[in-house]
Amino acid sequence: IRESLAAPKENFLVLVPEQFTMEIQRNLTELHPRKGILNIDVLSFGRLAHRIFEETGFTTETVLDDTGKSLILRRIAEKHRENLSVIGKNLNRIGYIHEVKSALSEFMQYGLTPENVDGLAGFAERRGTLSGKLKDLSELYRAFLACKEGKFITTEETLELLTRAVEQSAIIRDSVIIFDG
């Protein structure tokens, strides 16, 4: 990269963790003799996915961030309140929807389906409240997946979709890719 800064011939994609993008951009700018990095993009995987989807038109669904997930879950939880034996009682507590959202996000990250969560609830049957919470989470998970189907994708799904879209990308094809951190 340092050699390329003097006479830019190639485009670079520097992939870094989300929290380091600005710091790495600043460091690369300071290394440049004229303090500019026109041929270097510093991106997180999420930002790269957005850029590739925009270029290729691979997906038209909106990516749901944490706030969007929480809003949808709040609406779903209100509709299903009477069927939620444990969670239904706690919906109005501050931060509870956030905790539910975090649990569902982890289910998605680890590839759990609502049926897997049902199985865990059955396994925890002797543990009372845990089983009830898992049953409630399974119901909310099913409703959330149905609600977002065809309209939204979650941040947990973007990397998997990116693996399919990347083959069509000229941005990737014409760049040197560097991973840092």
Protein backbone atom coordinates (compact mmCIF):
# COMPACT_ATOMS: atom_id res chain seq x y z
CA ILE A 1 0.00 0.00 0.00
CA ARG A 2 2.80 2.39 0.93
CA GLU A 3 4.42 1.96 -2.50
CA SER A 4 1.07 2.48 -4.21
CA LEU A 5 0.49 5.76 -2.37
CA ALA A 6 3.20 7.50 -4.39
CA ALA A 7 1.94 6.37 -7.80
CA PRO A 8 -1.55 4.83 -7.60
CA LYS A 9 -1.93 2.00 -10.10
CA GLU A 10 -4.23 -0.36 -8.24
CA ASN A 11 -7.34 -0.03 -6.13
CA PHE A 12 -7.16 -1.38 -2.60
CA LEU A 13 -9.90 -2.58 -0.28
CA VAL A 14 -8.71 -2.69 3.29
CA LEU A 15 -11.14 -4.75 5.37
CA VAL A 16 -11.06 -3.97 9.08
CA PRO A 17 -13.35 -4.38 12.08
CA GLU A 18 -16.11 -1.75 12.15
CA GLN A 19 -14.64 0.16 15.08
CA PHE A 20 -11.26 0.71 13.33
CA THR A 21 -12.31 2.12 9.94
CA MET A 22 -11.75 5.79 10.81
CA GLU A 23 -8.47 5.11 12.60
CA ILE A 24 -7.04 3.14 9.66
CA GLN A 25 -8.21 5.80 7.19
CA ARG A 26 -6.44 8.45 9.26
CA ASN A 27 -3.25 6.37 9.48
CA LEU A 28 -3.20 5.74 5.72
CA THR A 29 -3.85 9.43 4.99
CA GLU A 30 -0.91 10.42 7.22
CA LEU A 31 1.35 8.00 5.30
CA HIS A 32 0.46 9.54 1.93
CA PRO A 33 2.87 12.24 0.69
CA ARG A 34 -0.04 14.50 -0.31
CA LYS A 35 -2.29 13.33 2.57
CA GLY A 36 -4.94 11.64 0.37
CA ILE A 37 -6.03 8.07 -0.34
CA LEU A 38 -8.06 8.11 -3.54
CA ASN A 39 -7.32 4.50 -4.50
CA ILE A 40 -7.80 2.97 -1.04
CA ASP A 41 -11.15 2.15 0.55
CA VAL A 42 -11.17 1.19 4.21
CA LEU A 43 -14.32 -0.83 4.89
CA SER A 44 -15.91 -3.14 7.43
CA PHE A 45 -17.54 -6.32 6.15
CA GLY A 46 -20.97 -4.76 6.63
CA ARG A 47 -20.05 -1.70 4.58
CA LEU A 48 -18.45 -3.91 1.90
CA ALA A 49 -21.65 -5.95 1.68
CA HIS A 50 -23.70 -2.77 1.25
CA ARG A 51 -21.36 -1.55 -1.48
CA ILE A 52 -21.42 -4.89 -3.35
CA PHE A 53 -25.22 -5.21 -3.10
CA GLU A 54 -25.57 -1.68 -4.46
CA GLU A 55 -23.19 -2.41 -7.35
CA THR A 56 -24.61 -5.80 -8.33
CA GLY A 57 -28.27 -5.26 -7.44
CA PHE A 58 -28.04 -8.63 -5.73
CA THR A 59 -30.66 -7.92 -3.09
CA THR A 60 -33.42 -5.37 -2.98
CA GLU A 61 -34.39 -6.03 0.62
CA THR A 62 -33.56 -3.43 3.23
CA VAL A 63 -30.98 -4.42 5.82
CA LEU A 64 -32.52 -4.23 9.29
CA ASP A 65 -30.32 -2.69 11.93
CA ASP A 66 -30.82 -3.24 15.66
CA THR A 67 -33.35 -0.42 15.95
CA GLY A 68 -35.44 -1.81 13.09
CA LYS A 69 -35.38 -5.28 14.62
CA SER A 70 -36.47 -3.89 17.98
CA LEU A 71 -39.37 -1.97 16.43
CA ILE A 72 -40.60 -5.03 14.56
CA LEU A 73 -40.22 -7.21 17.64
CA ARG A 74 -42.15 -4.73 19.76
CA ARG A 75 -45.06 -4.88 17.31
CA ILE A 76 -44.93 -8.69 17.07
CA ALA A 77 -44.69 -9.10 20.84
CA GLU A 78 -47.77 -6.93 21.35
CA LYS A 79 -49.74 -9.04 18.86
CA HIS A 80 -48.64 -12.30 20.52
CA ARG A 81 -48.68 -11.06 24.12
CA GLU A 82 -51.43 -13.46 25.28
CA ASN A 83 -49.45 -16.48 23.99
CA LEU A 84 -46.22 -15.44 25.73
CA SER A 85 -46.40 -17.00 29.18
CA VAL A 86 -43.11 -15.58 30.51
CA ILE A 87 -42.01 -12.82 28.16
CA GLY A 88 -45.51 -11.35 27.82
CA LYS A 89 -45.47 -10.24 31.46
CA ASN A 90 -42.17 -8.40 31.04
CA LEU A 91 -42.68 -6.60 27.73
CA ASN A 92 -43.06 -3.19 29.30
CA ARG A 93 -39.85 -3.45 31.31
CA ILE A 94 -37.09 -1.18 30.05
CA GLY A 95 -34.60 -3.03 27.86
CA TYR A 96 -36.61 -6.26 27.63
CA ILE A 97 -37.24 -6.05 23.87
CA HIS A 98 -33.54 -5.31 23.42
CA GLU A 99 -32.70 -8.55 25.25
CA VAL A 100 -35.17 -10.51 23.12
CA LYS A 101 -33.65 -8.97 19.99
CA SER A 102 -30.18 -9.97 21.15
CA ALA A 103 -31.31 -13.55 21.76
CA LEU A 104 -32.90 -13.80 18.31
CA SER A 105 -29.79 -12.27 16.72
CA GLU A 106 -27.68 -14.96 18.35
CA PHE A 107 -30.06 -17.65 17.13
CA MET A 108 -29.59 -16.33 13.59
CA GLN A 109 -25.80 -16.03 13.95
CA TYR A 110 -25.49 -19.65 15.06
CA GLY A 111 -27.97 -20.99 12.51
CA LEU A 112 -30.66 -22.04 15.00
CA THR A 113 -34.16 -22.41 13.61
CA PRO A 114 -37.37 -21.95 15.60
CA GLU A 115 -37.63 -25.76 15.62
CA ASN A 116 -34.19 -25.97 17.27
CA VAL A 117 -35.37 -23.53 19.93
CA ASP A 118 -38.49 -25.69 20.44
CA GLY A 119 -36.17 -28.64 20.98
CA LEU A 120 -34.19 -26.69 23.58
CA ALA A 121 -37.45 -25.78 25.32
CA GLY A 122 -38.39 -29.45 25.46
CA PHE A 123 -34.97 -30.33 26.83
CA ALA A 124 -35.36 -27.65 29.54
CA GLU A 125 -38.89 -28.78 30.47
CA ARG A 126 -37.89 -29.50 34.09
CA ARG A 127 -36.40 -26.05 34.49
CA GLY A 128 -39.75 -24.22 34.47
CA THR A 129 -39.07 -20.60 33.60
CA LEU A 130 -36.25 -21.42 31.18
CA SER A 131 -38.53 -23.69 29.19
CA GLY A 132 -41.25 -21.02 29.14
CA LYS A 133 -38.82 -18.34 27.96
CA LEU A 134 -37.53 -20.60 25.19
CA LYS A 135 -41.09 -21.39 24.04
CA ASP A 136 -41.86 -17.66 23.98
CA LEU A 137 -38.65 -16.90 22.10
CA SER A 138 -39.47 -19.61 19.57
CA GLU A 139 -42.90 -18.07 18.92
CA LEU A 140 -41.41 -14.58 18.55
CA TYR A 141 -38.64 -15.93 16.31
CA ARG A 142 -41.16 -17.60 13.99
CA ALA A 143 -43.25 -14.44 13.80
CA PHE A 144 -40.16 -12.27 13.21
CA LEU A 145 -38.93 -14.48 10.36
CA ALA A 146 -42.40 -14.46 8.77
CA CYS A 147 -42.65 -10.66 9.11
CA LYS A 148 -39.31 -9.95 7.46
CA GLU A 149 -39.66 -12.55 4.69
CA GLY A 150 -39.22 -10.88 1.29
CA LYS A 151 -38.98 -7.38 2.81
CA PHE A 152 -35.90 -7.27 5.00
CA ILE A 153 -32.64 -9.04 5.65
CA THR A 154 -30.82 -8.87 8.94
CA THR A 155 -27.21 -7.90 9.47
CA GLU A 156 -26.59 -11.54 10.44
CA GLU A 157 -27.62 -12.62 6.92
CA THR A 158 -25.58 -10.09 4.95
CA LEU A 159 -22.27 -11.97 4.98
CA GLU A 160 -23.89 -15.14 3.66
CA LEU A 161 -25.55 -13.16 0.87
CA LEU A 162 -22.26 -11.37 0.22
CA THR A 163 -20.58 -14.72 -0.51
CA ARG A 164 -23.07 -15.22 -3.36
CA ALA A 165 -22.88 -11.64 -4.71
CA VAL A 166 -19.11 -11.26 -4.61
CA GLU A 167 -18.57 -13.27 -7.83
CA GLN A 168 -20.49 -10.62 -9.80
CA SER A 169 -18.60 -7.65 -8.39
CA ALA A 170 -16.20 -5.61 -10.50
CA ILE A 171 -15.18 -3.77 -7.32
CA ILE A 172 -13.78 -7.01 -5.91
CA ARG A 173 -12.42 -8.28 -9.21
CA ASP A 174 -10.44 -5.07 -9.87
CA SER A 175 -9.02 -4.53 -6.37
CA VAL A 176 -6.27 -5.77 -4.13
CA ILE A 177 -7.90 -6.91 -0.89
CA ILE A 178 -6.12 -6.53 2.43
CA PHE A 179 -7.39 -7.79 5.77
CA ASP A 180 -6.28 -6.00 8.91
CA GLY A 181 -7.32 -6.88 12.45
